[in-house]
Amino acid sequence: MDWLYSAADLEQAVLKTGFLPFFQSDIPEFSIEEFTPAEYWFADGVDGPWEWKSPVAGFPQTPLPGFQPCRCMGAS
């Protein structure tokens, strides 16, 4: 996987893998944390993974084949 520098990079990584944990785990090289440069974490004036995750998780720009939006809990 390539380094993540933007929400678009994160979205492509999630689409490629199908799932990508935010933090490092027992599975090496399989997290947003491991593929985001340190200077993007909690830096003033720089969007980083905390800012990228919401748009990517909630509003995919390129849905997976067969993707259907959730209509749960009264959402329309």
Protein backbone atom coordinates (compact mmCIF):
# COMPACT_ATOMS: atom_id res chain seq x y z
CA MET A 1 0.00 0.00 0.00
CA ASP A 2 1.18 3.54 -0.72
CA TRP A 3 1.46 6.41 1.76
CA LEU A 4 -1.75 8.24 2.59
CA TYR A 5 -1.63 12.00 2.07
CA SER A 6 -5.32 12.89 1.61
CA ALA A 7 -8.91 11.77 1.98
CA ALA A 8 -8.80 10.61 -1.65
CA ASP A 9 -5.78 8.41 -0.88
CA LEU A 10 -7.58 6.97 2.15
CA GLU A 11 -10.71 6.30 0.12
CA GLN A 12 -8.72 4.45 -2.55
CA ALA A 13 -6.94 2.35 0.12
CA VAL A 14 -10.27 1.38 1.69
CA LEU A 15 -11.76 0.53 -1.69
CA LYS A 16 -8.70 -1.57 -2.53
CA THR A 17 -8.61 -3.50 0.76
CA GLY A 18 -12.34 -3.47 1.59
CA PHE A 19 -11.57 -2.51 5.20
CA LEU A 20 -8.76 -0.60 6.85
CA PRO A 21 -8.40 -0.25 10.63
CA PHE A 22 -7.54 3.19 11.92
CA PHE A 23 -4.85 2.09 14.39
CA GLN A 24 -2.01 -0.43 14.16
CA SER A 25 -2.87 -3.95 15.28
CA ASP A 26 -1.38 -7.43 15.27
CA ILE A 27 -1.63 -7.45 11.48
CA PRO A 28 1.46 -5.63 10.23
CA GLU A 29 1.11 -2.93 7.58
CA PHE A 30 -2.68 -2.92 7.72
CA SER A 31 -3.79 0.38 9.25
CA ILE A 32 -4.25 4.04 8.46
CA GLU A 33 -1.79 4.82 11.26
CA GLU A 34 1.04 2.91 9.60
CA PHE A 35 0.62 4.52 6.18
CA THR A 36 0.13 8.17 7.18
CA PRO A 37 3.27 10.28 7.60
CA ALA A 38 3.81 11.58 11.13
CA GLU A 39 3.52 15.22 10.04
CA TYR A 40 -0.17 14.65 9.17
CA TRP A 41 -1.14 13.62 12.70
CA PHE A 42 -2.62 16.43 14.81
CA ALA A 43 -0.80 19.22 12.95
CA ASP A 44 -2.18 22.76 13.07
CA GLY A 45 -3.54 23.85 9.71
CA VAL A 46 -3.06 20.44 8.10
CA ASP A 47 -5.90 18.01 7.45
CA GLY A 48 -4.93 14.52 8.54
CA PRO A 49 -6.52 11.13 9.10
CA TRP A 50 -8.93 12.43 11.75
CA GLU A 51 -10.35 14.87 9.22
CA TRP A 52 -10.26 12.40 6.33
CA LYS A 53 -12.11 9.55 8.02
CA SER A 54 -15.58 11.09 8.29
CA PRO A 55 -16.11 11.95 4.63
CA VAL A 56 -14.64 8.64 3.51
CA ALA A 57 -16.69 6.56 5.95
CA GLY A 58 -19.94 8.40 5.43
CA PHE A 59 -19.96 9.50 1.84
CA PRO A 60 -17.98 7.30 -0.54
CA GLN A 61 -17.34 9.09 -3.82
CA THR A 62 -16.84 5.80 -5.63
CA PRO A 63 -19.20 3.18 -4.17
CA LEU A 64 -18.30 -0.47 -4.35
CA PRO A 65 -20.27 -2.50 -6.92
CA GLY A 66 -23.68 -3.28 -5.47
CA PHE A 67 -23.37 -0.56 -2.80
CA GLN A 68 -26.72 0.48 -1.36
CA PRO A 69 -26.98 3.39 1.09
CA CYS A 70 -28.21 2.48 4.56
CA ARG A 71 -31.88 3.19 5.07
CA CYS A 72 -31.76 2.25 8.73
CA MET A 73 -33.03 4.19 11.74
CA GLY A 74 -35.45 6.28 9.72
CA ALA A 75 -32.90 7.64 7.27
CA SER A 76 -34.33 8.51 3.90
